[in-house]
Amino acid sequence: MADQSSTLIRREEVAEGTVAFHFEKPSGFNFIAGQFADVTLTDPPETDAEGNTRTFSIASPPFANELVFTTRMRNTAFKRSLKEVSSTAKVKISPAAGTFTLHKNLAKPAVFLAGGIGITPFLSMVQQADRDRLSQKLYLFYSNRRPEDAAFLDTLKALETTNPNFRLICTMTEMSKSTKEWKGETALIDKEMLCRHLADLQGPVYYIAGPPTMVTAMRETLVSAGVKENDIRTDEFVGY
């Protein structure tokens, strides 16, 4: 399938320095929660050597009537343009792709390990699981420096109340730099934290999404804890 045209509906700041861009969902656009798509600005106010196309995980669930792409707002031509274009600006969206999707064996729990903006594919997965009333056990470990940096935190907390099979474990690792109160975890995600919240480390399938250093560290932690490589799936977020 060829790229399809879409229009920006609105922008929404979902954390400090993080913006969600809501686009019209093109006719016939289908995807599986956890997949990604390329977004191309067709007439940007500026460009640079990196071009006018970027790849984003789809943060919205498949059942939604819009496509949401979320990004940290770095100082690049693409992101400045995305922030500045009018609400009727046209973009091209590629067909969805990727295999970072929920496994089919509902008896096998899924453990999501998210760092920062790596939350986006998991947001789609958890929302879709809630809609489908999946019997599968889902655990989301979500690490940020501060609550101010945690995108979609309120949405995720609400999903925990509506889906009895979903557990959210958030950790804020630099609370000394925050102005908000926090009573949850404050350490980096490690084996000890996983053991406190999971009955069996060797049972689930693990999904890791975040900066490359975080993905590497989490993979090493899991392997050293006896988790099989086949039960670890990763998605690195570079430059976002």
C-alpha atoms as a PDB file:
ATOM      1  CA  MET A   1       0.000   0.000   0.000  1.00  0.00           C
ATOM      2  CA  ALA A   2       1.234   3.483  -0.833  1.00  0.00           C
ATOM      3  CA  ASP A   3       1.624   6.358   1.595  1.00  0.00           C
ATOM      4  CA  GLN A   4      -1.644   8.107   2.413  1.00  0.00           C
ATOM      5  CA  SER A   5      -2.444  11.755   2.951  1.00  0.00           C
ATOM      6  CA  SER A   6      -3.547  13.021   6.346  1.00  0.00           C
ATOM      7  CA  THR A   7      -4.233  16.313   8.110  1.00  0.00           C
ATOM      8  CA  LEU A   8      -3.023  17.514  11.485  1.00  0.00           C
ATOM      9  CA  ILE A   9      -5.987  17.866  13.837  1.00  0.00           C
ATOM     10  CA  ARG A  10      -4.342  19.266  16.950  1.00  0.00           C
ATOM     11  CA  ARG A  11      -1.260  19.315  19.155  1.00  0.00           C
ATOM     12  CA  GLU A  12      -1.214  18.427  22.832  1.00  0.00           C
ATOM     13  CA  GLU A  13       1.595  18.838  25.354  1.00  0.00           C
ATOM     14  CA  VAL A  14       1.590  15.549  27.292  1.00  0.00           C
ATOM     15  CA  ALA A  15       4.689  16.245  29.426  1.00  0.00           C
ATOM     16  CA  GLU A  16       7.307  18.969  29.687  1.00  0.00           C
ATOM     17  CA  GLY A  17       8.961  19.180  26.272  1.00  0.00           C
ATOM     18  CA  THR A  18       6.844  16.327  24.874  1.00  0.00           C
ATOM     19  CA  VAL A  19       4.047  16.888  22.375  1.00  0.00           C
ATOM     20  CA  ALA A  20       1.436  14.526  20.943  1.00  0.00           C
ATOM     21  CA  PHE A  21       0.348  15.260  17.375  1.00  0.00           C
ATOM     22  CA  HIS A  22      -3.145  14.064  16.457  1.00  0.00           C
ATOM     23  CA  PHE A  23      -3.766  13.307  12.779  1.00  0.00           C
ATOM     24  CA  GLU A  24      -6.816  12.201  10.836  1.00  0.00           C
ATOM     25  CA  LYS A  25      -6.751   8.442  10.326  1.00  0.00           C
ATOM     26  CA  PRO A  26      -6.609   7.764   6.576  1.00  0.00           C
ATOM     27  CA  SER A  27      -9.333   5.564   5.109  1.00  0.00           C
ATOM     28  CA  GLY A  28      -8.434   1.891   5.360  1.00  0.00           C
ATOM     29  CA  PHE A  29      -5.393   2.496   7.582  1.00  0.00           C
ATOM     30  CA  ASN A  30      -5.019  -0.619   9.692  1.00  0.00           C
ATOM     31  CA  PHE A  31      -2.332  -1.539  12.203  1.00  0.00           C
ATOM     32  CA  ILE A  32      -1.542  -3.688  15.214  1.00  0.00           C
ATOM     33  CA  ALA A  33      -0.874  -2.020  18.562  1.00  0.00           C
ATOM     34  CA  GLY A  34       2.874  -1.503  18.928  1.00  0.00           C
ATOM     35  CA  GLN A  35       3.607  -0.849  15.259  1.00  0.00           C
ATOM     36  CA  PHE A  36       5.138   2.297  13.746  1.00  0.00           C
ATOM     37  CA  ALA A  37       4.728   4.477  10.660  1.00  0.00           C
ATOM     38  CA  ASP A  38       6.713   7.094   8.753  1.00  0.00           C
ATOM     39  CA  VAL A  39       5.406  10.666   8.769  1.00  0.00           C
ATOM     40  CA  THR A  40       6.487  12.961   5.934  1.00  0.00           C
ATOM     41  CA  LEU A  41       5.924  16.725   5.938  1.00  0.00           C
ATOM     42  CA  THR A  42       4.853  17.581   2.395  1.00  0.00           C
ATOM     43  CA  ASP A  43       5.506  21.326   2.513  1.00  0.00           C
ATOM     44  CA  PRO A  44       7.533  22.156   5.650  1.00  0.00           C
ATOM     45  CA  PRO A  45       8.526  25.748   6.456  1.00  0.00           C
ATOM     46  CA  GLU A  46      12.129  24.532   6.753  1.00  0.00           C
ATOM     47  CA  THR A  47      14.194  21.419   6.169  1.00  0.00           C
ATOM     48  CA  ASP A  48      17.705  20.093   6.733  1.00  0.00           C
ATOM     49  CA  ALA A  49      20.024  17.275   5.694  1.00  0.00           C
ATOM     50  CA  GLU A  50      18.011  14.731   7.695  1.00  0.00           C
ATOM     51  CA  GLY A  51      15.026  15.245   5.401  1.00  0.00           C
ATOM     52  CA  ASN A  52      11.312  15.628   5.955  1.00  0.00           C
ATOM     53  CA  THR A  53      10.459  12.106   7.134  1.00  0.00           C
ATOM     54  CA  ARG A  54      10.605  10.593  10.600  1.00  0.00           C
ATOM     55  CA  THR A  55       9.537   7.234  12.019  1.00  0.00           C
ATOM     56  CA  PHE A  56       7.163   7.206  14.996  1.00  0.00           C
ATOM     57  CA  SER A  57       5.527   4.499  17.046  1.00  0.00           C
ATOM     58  CA  ILE A  58       1.765   4.898  16.903  1.00  0.00           C
ATOM     59  CA  ALA A  59       0.635   5.968  20.369  1.00  0.00           C
ATOM     60  CA  SER A  60      -3.087   5.664  19.673  1.00  0.00           C
ATOM     61  CA  PRO A  61      -4.807   2.254  19.700  1.00  0.00           C
ATOM     62  CA  PRO A  62      -6.102   0.581  16.527  1.00  0.00           C
ATOM     63  CA  PHE A  63      -9.734   1.172  17.527  1.00  0.00           C
ATOM     64  CA  ALA A  64      -9.296   4.969  17.655  1.00  0.00           C
ATOM     65  CA  ASN A  65     -10.440   7.168  14.771  1.00  0.00           C
ATOM     66  CA  GLU A  66      -7.217   9.193  14.761  1.00  0.00           C
ATOM     67  CA  LEU A  67      -3.468   8.536  14.660  1.00  0.00           C
ATOM     68  CA  VAL A  68      -1.340   9.969  17.448  1.00  0.00           C
ATOM     69  CA  PHE A  69       2.428  10.377  17.187  1.00  0.00           C
ATOM     70  CA  THR A  70       4.332  11.660  20.204  1.00  0.00           C
ATOM     71  CA  THR A  71       7.839  13.087  20.393  1.00  0.00           C
ATOM     72  CA  ARG A  72      10.286  14.980  22.547  1.00  0.00           C
ATOM     73  CA  MET A  73      10.605  18.437  21.012  1.00  0.00           C
ATOM     74  CA  ARG A  74      14.291  18.637  20.061  1.00  0.00           C
ATOM     75  CA  ASN A  75      15.687  21.601  18.149  1.00  0.00           C
ATOM     76  CA  THR A  76      15.646  20.127  14.629  1.00  0.00           C
ATOM     77  CA  ALA A  77      14.153  21.458  11.402  1.00  0.00           C
ATOM     78  CA  PHE A  78      11.617  18.629  11.260  1.00  0.00           C
ATOM     79  CA  LYS A  79      10.354  19.154  14.787  1.00  0.00           C
ATOM     80  CA  ARG A  80      10.317  22.935  14.513  1.00  0.00           C
ATOM     81  CA  SER A  81       8.269  22.559  11.344  1.00  0.00           C
ATOM     82  CA  LEU A  82       5.913  20.048  12.959  1.00  0.00           C
ATOM     83  CA  LYS A  83       5.360  22.470  15.800  1.00  0.00           C
ATOM     84  CA  GLU A  84       4.743  25.439  13.503  1.00  0.00           C
ATOM     85  CA  VAL A  85       2.602  24.086  10.638  1.00  0.00           C
ATOM     86  CA  SER A  86      -1.075  25.010  10.577  1.00  0.00           C
ATOM     87  CA  SER A  87      -3.788  22.695  11.835  1.00  0.00           C
ATOM     88  CA  THR A  88      -4.784  21.966   8.236  1.00  0.00           C
ATOM     89  CA  ALA A  89      -1.273  21.013   7.136  1.00  0.00           C
ATOM     90  CA  LYS A  90      -1.028  17.872   5.012  1.00  0.00           C
ATOM     91  CA  VAL A  91       1.368  15.034   5.710  1.00  0.00           C
ATOM     92  CA  LYS A  92       2.016  11.647   4.176  1.00  0.00           C
ATOM     93  CA  ILE A  93       1.773   8.596   6.413  1.00  0.00           C
ATOM     94  CA  SER A  94       3.279   5.272   5.387  1.00  0.00           C
ATOM     95  CA  PRO A  95       1.575   1.916   5.983  1.00  0.00           C
ATOM     96  CA  ALA A  96       2.159   0.627   9.506  1.00  0.00           C
ATOM     97  CA  ALA A  97       5.012  -1.818  10.006  1.00  0.00           C
ATOM     98  CA  GLY A  98       6.992  -3.579  12.726  1.00  0.00           C
ATOM     99  CA  THR A  99       6.806  -6.722  14.837  1.00  0.00           C
ATOM    100  CA  PHE A 100       6.964  -5.094  18.298  1.00  0.00           C
ATOM    101  CA  THR A 101       3.459  -6.347  19.028  1.00  0.00           C
ATOM    102  CA  LEU A 102       1.799  -8.339  21.785  1.00  0.00           C
ATOM    103  CA  HIS A 103       2.320 -12.115  21.660  1.00  0.00           C
ATOM    104  CA  LYS A 104      -0.687 -14.352  21.082  1.00  0.00           C
ATOM    105  CA  ASN A 105      -0.373 -16.737  24.059  1.00  0.00           C
ATOM    106  CA  LEU A 106      -2.764 -15.114  26.542  1.00  0.00           C
ATOM    107  CA  ALA A 107      -1.626 -17.427  29.335  1.00  0.00           C
ATOM    108  CA  LYS A 108       1.873 -15.939  29.173  1.00  0.00           C
ATOM    109  CA  PRO A 109       2.094 -12.503  30.861  1.00  0.00           C
ATOM    110  CA  ALA A 110       3.611  -9.487  29.112  1.00  0.00           C
ATOM    111  CA  VAL A 111       6.018  -7.205  30.954  1.00  0.00           C
ATOM    112  CA  PHE A 112       6.588  -3.796  29.387  1.00  0.00           C
ATOM    113  CA  LEU A 113       9.740  -1.882  30.330  1.00  0.00           C
ATOM    114  CA  ALA A 114       9.492   1.733  29.156  1.00  0.00           C
ATOM    115  CA  GLY A 115      11.977   4.567  29.402  1.00  0.00           C
ATOM    116  CA  GLY A 116      10.694   8.080  28.672  1.00  0.00           C
ATOM    117  CA  ILE A 117       9.177   8.453  25.209  1.00  0.00           C
ATOM    118  CA  GLY A 118       9.451   4.676  24.809  1.00  0.00           C
ATOM    119  CA  ILE A 119       6.020   4.595  26.444  1.00  0.00           C
ATOM    120  CA  THR A 120       4.244   5.214  23.100  1.00  0.00           C
ATOM    121  CA  PRO A 121       3.930   1.650  21.719  1.00  0.00           C
ATOM    122  CA  PHE A 122       2.882   0.413  25.158  1.00  0.00           C
ATOM    123  CA  LEU A 123       0.178   3.068  25.452  1.00  0.00           C
ATOM    124  CA  SER A 124      -1.356   1.710  22.253  1.00  0.00           C
ATOM    125  CA  MET A 125      -1.074  -1.894  23.466  1.00  0.00           C
ATOM    126  CA  VAL A 126      -2.586  -1.239  26.897  1.00  0.00           C
ATOM    127  CA  GLN A 127      -5.470   0.812  25.511  1.00  0.00           C
ATOM    128  CA  GLN A 128      -6.300  -1.880  22.973  1.00  0.00           C
ATOM    129  CA  ALA A 129      -6.070  -4.617  25.612  1.00  0.00           C
ATOM    130  CA  ASP A 130      -8.483  -2.640  27.796  1.00  0.00           C
ATOM    131  CA  ARG A 131     -10.918  -2.244  24.886  1.00  0.00           C
ATOM    132  CA  ASP A 132     -10.679  -5.960  23.993  1.00  0.00           C
ATOM    133  CA  ARG A 133     -10.976  -7.040  27.650  1.00  0.00           C
ATOM    134  CA  LEU A 134      -7.975  -9.343  27.257  1.00  0.00           C
ATOM    135  CA  SER A 135      -7.506 -11.907  29.995  1.00  0.00           C
ATOM    136  CA  GLN A 136      -3.719 -11.567  29.592  1.00  0.00           C
ATOM    137  CA  LYS A 137      -1.737 -10.229  32.551  1.00  0.00           C
ATOM    138  CA  LEU A 138       0.102  -7.008  31.634  1.00  0.00           C
ATOM    139  CA  TYR A 139       2.751  -5.276  33.750  1.00  0.00           C
ATOM    140  CA  LEU A 140       4.114  -1.873  32.755  1.00  0.00           C
ATOM    141  CA  PHE A 141       7.292  -0.560  34.394  1.00  0.00           C
ATOM    142  CA  TYR A 142       7.598   3.093  33.374  1.00  0.00           C
ATOM    143  CA  SER A 143      10.792   5.024  34.196  1.00  0.00           C
ATOM    144  CA  ASN A 144      11.208   8.799  34.011  1.00  0.00           C
ATOM    145  CA  ARG A 145      13.401  11.368  35.704  1.00  0.00           C
ATOM    146  CA  ARG A 146      10.443  13.297  37.159  1.00  0.00           C
ATOM    147  CA  PRO A 147       6.634  13.191  37.073  1.00  0.00           C
ATOM    148  CA  GLU A 148       6.815  16.309  34.913  1.00  0.00           C
ATOM    149  CA  ASP A 149       8.556  14.205  32.228  1.00  0.00           C
ATOM    150  CA  ALA A 150       6.120  11.281  32.287  1.00  0.00           C
ATOM    151  CA  ALA A 151       3.886  11.421  29.234  1.00  0.00           C
ATOM    152  CA  PHE A 152       0.366   9.963  29.496  1.00  0.00           C
ATOM    153  CA  LEU A 153       0.744   9.199  33.206  1.00  0.00           C
ATOM    154  CA  ASP A 154      -2.868  10.052  34.075  1.00  0.00           C
ATOM    155  CA  THR A 155      -4.168   7.987  31.144  1.00  0.00           C
ATOM    156  CA  LEU A 156      -2.144   4.979  32.266  1.00  0.00           C
ATOM    157  CA  LYS A 157      -3.320   5.321  35.868  1.00  0.00           C
ATOM    158  CA  ALA A 158      -6.922   5.375  34.644  1.00  0.00           C
ATOM    159  CA  LEU A 159      -6.351   2.228  32.575  1.00  0.00           C
ATOM    160  CA  GLU A 160      -5.125   0.439  35.691  1.00  0.00           C
ATOM    161  CA  THR A 161      -8.525   1.081  37.300  1.00  0.00           C
ATOM    162  CA  THR A 162     -10.521  -0.205  34.312  1.00  0.00           C
ATOM    163  CA  ASN A 163      -8.429  -3.297  33.498  1.00  0.00           C
ATOM    164  CA  PRO A 164      -7.990  -5.710  36.436  1.00  0.00           C
ATOM    165  CA  ASN A 165      -5.275  -7.553  34.474  1.00  0.00           C
ATOM    166  CA  PHE A 166      -3.084  -4.457  34.072  1.00  0.00           C
ATOM    167  CA  ARG A 167      -0.562  -3.251  36.643  1.00  0.00           C
ATOM    168  CA  LEU A 168       1.369   0.028  36.386  1.00  0.00           C
ATOM    169  CA  ILE A 169       4.671   0.456  38.220  1.00  0.00           C
ATOM    170  CA  CYS A 170       6.175   3.920  37.751  1.00  0.00           C
ATOM    171  CA  THR A 171       9.560   5.098  38.951  1.00  0.00           C
ATOM    172  CA  MET A 172      10.994   8.626  39.041  1.00  0.00           C
ATOM    173  CA  THR A 173      14.782   8.616  39.256  1.00  0.00           C
ATOM    174  CA  GLU A 174      15.568  12.320  39.786  1.00  0.00           C
ATOM    175  CA  MET A 175      12.953  13.581  42.227  1.00  0.00           C
ATOM    176  CA  SER A 176      15.410  16.145  43.612  1.00  0.00           C
ATOM    177  CA  LYS A 177      14.762  18.105  40.397  1.00  0.00           C
ATOM    178  CA  SER A 178      10.977  17.892  40.648  1.00  0.00           C
ATOM    179  CA  THR A 179       8.465  20.272  42.205  1.00  0.00           C
ATOM    180  CA  LYS A 180       5.816  17.546  42.519  1.00  0.00           C
ATOM    181  CA  GLU A 181       5.122  15.035  45.249  1.00  0.00           C
ATOM    182  CA  TRP A 182       5.876  11.394  44.491  1.00  0.00           C
ATOM    183  CA  LYS A 183       5.232   8.351  46.686  1.00  0.00           C
ATOM    184  CA  GLY A 184       6.137   5.633  44.181  1.00  0.00           C
ATOM    185  CA  GLU A 185       9.390   3.970  43.154  1.00  0.00           C
ATOM    186  CA  THR A 186      12.494   6.167  42.770  1.00  0.00           C
ATOM    187  CA  ALA A 187      15.197   3.727  41.673  1.00  0.00           C
ATOM    188  CA  LEU A 188      16.235   2.605  38.225  1.00  0.00           C
ATOM    189  CA  ILE A 189      14.402  -0.500  37.031  1.00  0.00           C
ATOM    190  CA  ASP A 190      16.520  -3.455  38.133  1.00  0.00           C
ATOM    191  CA  LYS A 191      16.212  -7.106  39.069  1.00  0.00           C
ATOM    192  CA  GLU A 192      15.222  -6.286  42.643  1.00  0.00           C
ATOM    193  CA  MET A 193      12.348  -4.071  41.505  1.00  0.00           C
ATOM    194  CA  LEU A 194      11.148  -6.670  39.019  1.00  0.00           C
ATOM    195  CA  CYS A 195      11.236  -9.393  41.685  1.00  0.00           C
ATOM    196  CA  ARG A 196       9.138  -7.283  44.057  1.00  0.00           C
ATOM    197  CA  HIS A 197       6.347  -6.894  41.518  1.00  0.00           C
ATOM    198  CA  LEU A 198       6.516 -10.121  39.482  1.00  0.00           C
ATOM    199  CA  ALA A 199       5.884 -13.603  40.837  1.00  0.00           C
ATOM    200  CA  ASP A 200       8.230 -15.279  38.340  1.00  0.00           C
ATOM    201  CA  LEU A 201      10.860 -13.536  36.209  1.00  0.00           C
ATOM    202  CA  GLN A 202      11.165 -16.502  33.835  1.00  0.00           C
ATOM    203  CA  GLY A 203       7.459 -16.703  32.969  1.00  0.00           C
ATOM    204  CA  PRO A 204       6.578 -13.564  30.962  1.00  0.00           C
ATOM    205  CA  VAL A 205       7.560 -12.165  27.585  1.00  0.00           C
ATOM    206  CA  TYR A 206       9.439  -8.872  28.055  1.00  0.00           C
ATOM    207  CA  TYR A 207       9.153  -5.819  25.817  1.00  0.00           C
ATOM    208  CA  ILE A 208      11.744  -3.036  26.226  1.00  0.00           C
ATOM    209  CA  ALA A 209      11.371   0.414  24.626  1.00  0.00           C
ATOM    210  CA  GLY A 210      13.447   3.502  25.300  1.00  0.00           C
ATOM    211  CA  PRO A 211      16.897   5.021  24.707  1.00  0.00           C
ATOM    212  CA  PRO A 212      19.560   2.543  23.491  1.00  0.00           C
ATOM    213  CA  THR A 213      21.462   2.631  26.804  1.00  0.00           C
ATOM    214  CA  MET A 214      18.311   1.757  28.717  1.00  0.00           C
ATOM    215  CA  VAL A 215      17.384  -1.027  26.290  1.00  0.00           C
ATOM    216  CA  THR A 216      20.866  -2.546  26.562  1.00  0.00           C
ATOM    217  CA  ALA A 217      20.899  -2.358  30.357  1.00  0.00           C
ATOM    218  CA  MET A 218      17.460  -3.922  30.666  1.00  0.00           C
ATOM    219  CA  ARG A 219      18.342  -6.753  28.291  1.00  0.00           C
ATOM    220  CA  GLU A 220      21.491  -7.516  30.295  1.00  0.00           C
ATOM    221  CA  THR A 221      19.506  -7.462  33.539  1.00  0.00           C
ATOM    222  CA  LEU A 222      16.938  -9.896  32.190  1.00  0.00           C
ATOM    223  CA  VAL A 223      19.474 -12.297  30.693  1.00  0.00           C
ATOM    224  CA  SER A 224      21.480 -12.344  33.928  1.00  0.00           C
ATOM    225  CA  ALA A 225      18.235 -13.160  35.771  1.00  0.00           C
ATOM    226  CA  GLY A 226      17.739 -16.235  33.615  1.00  0.00           C
ATOM    227  CA  VAL A 227      15.211 -14.881  31.107  1.00  0.00           C
ATOM    228  CA  LYS A 228      15.496 -16.570  27.714  1.00  0.00           C
ATOM    229  CA  GLU A 229      16.564 -14.377  24.767  1.00  0.00           C
ATOM    230  CA  ASN A 230      13.467 -15.528  22.862  1.00  0.00           C
ATOM    231  CA  ASP A 231      11.318 -13.946  25.567  1.00  0.00           C
ATOM    232  CA  ILE A 232      12.909 -10.490  25.160  1.00  0.00           C
ATOM    233  CA  ARG A 233      11.787  -8.024  22.478  1.00  0.00           C
ATOM    234  CA  THR A 234      13.225  -4.544  22.055  1.00  0.00           C
ATOM    235  CA  ASP A 235      12.503  -1.231  20.350  1.00  0.00           C
ATOM    236  CA  GLU A 236      15.153   1.510  20.552  1.00  0.00           C
ATOM    237  CA  PHE A 237      14.216   5.193  20.429  1.00  0.00           C
ATOM    238  CA  VAL A 238      17.119   7.194  19.039  1.00  0.00           C
ATOM    239  CA  GLY A 239      17.147  10.997  18.884  1.00  0.00           C
ATOM    240  CA  TYR A 240      13.622  11.500  20.151  1.00  0.00           C
END
